[in-house]
Amino acid sequence: MLKYLSSPFKWFFKLEAASGLVLLISAILALIISNSNLSEMYFGTLEKYIFIGINKYGIKLSVLHWINDALMAVFFFFVTLEIKREFIEGELSNLKQAMLPIVGAIGGMLVPALVYVYINYGDTETLRGWAIPSATDIAFSLGVLSLLGSRVPISLKVFLTALAIIDDLGAIIIIAFFYSGDLNIIYLGLIILAFLALLILNKFNIKKFLPYLLIGIFMWDFTHQSGIHATIAGVLLASTIPHRKKPKEHSMLIKIEHAISPYVAFGIMPLFAFANAGVSLEGLSLSSFASKVPLGILLGLFVGKQFGVFIFSYLSIKFKIAQMPTNANWINFYGVGVLTGIGFTMSLFVGNLAFVENMNYMDGVKIGVLGGSLLSTLFGYFLILFAPRK
């Protein structure tokens, strides 16, 4: 009986689209609750402070910051494991094979940023959000492709996955260099020492994850205190996890990636979406999208992303720098370019960093991200749905 009842859930969580669907549900719930009688409780809970530690030794952060600084460090840890594996043995390990998503990702990051800068030119405060529309949400975009089934050749799914991974790498670099605060030299030194200790563990091929984890937790605290965003600790930790393959045996990297994947996909990301997608829609009208921040993000995601990815990719194929994905045609290829405009998770995350000192812009960020992602979803989905098959 239990096996019979659990089978639909097992089927659901095996779906490639499952993570994207859970994210969507989380975002919808956040919007409903933040515009209901529960809105005060919703925002009040996110602002409550929680202390974790012993006596005077510990860290006190708001619920929202625990999610965005601590849990998202685990998300970035997972993403970096994925990036490292792809560069060592995956789609990005072969330069010729990797050129198309690399070039496409460059266009998909550059053009949306330029669109945002053009709309916000002259306003130093709002210009801080230039990187918000440059990201692609891999779970949402792949979820939409999965719903299209056999209409999308495997090669395009691989292309989108690789492009989104490179996008994530670009976002990590942007966060590290452009969204750090005043740096504390002492804590920077401690970060370097912790990273060197992790490299030594890697060098001696320590096969237990616990020593890496303990040093990683301390490094997260040092990073949080240093002025660099705490999520970068997850990136540094993941970069030192060994990926030495042996016959019939998975590396530590593969084991950890597989172990934490469901917790990231169905725990951390939906929780982040629920905590960050809530915005009051009271008084929302078309004029709300005319403000510089939401307009720059919406057009960056919906217009900048599709043109940036497609034009850069098209030129790389025409100049024989890269190859057209197998069994793809220009229409469904363009449709995939449109889907890269689904920013959501990473765009909201970058928005929080960009306007950490002026949260008045965050409602505009959420409206722009949700609007641009929704338009990209609908247009990309129906474009591919009605595209002629090759």
Foldseek 3Di string as FASTA:
>chain_A
DVCVVCVVVVVLVVFLLNLLVLLVVLLVVLAVCCADPNVCVLVVQQQDWDWDDPDPDTDIDGNLCCLLFPLVLLVLLLLLLVLVCCCVDNQNVDPQSLVLLVLLLVLLQPQLLVLLCVLCPPPPQLNLLSRLQSAFDLNNLLSLVSVLPPLDDPLLNSSLNSNNSVSSVVLLVCLQPRLFAAFDPVLVVLLVVLLVVLLVCLVVVPQDCVVLVVSLVVSLVSCVVGRRRSSVSSNSSSVSQDQDDDPPDGGPSVVVSVVCVCCVSNPSSSVSSNSQLRAHCVVPDPVLCVDSNLVSNLCSLQPSQLCSSLVSSVVCCVVVSHHDGPQDDSQLSSLSSLQSSLGPPSSSSSVCSSCVVPCVCSNSSSNSNVNNNVNSSVVSSVSSSPDDGD
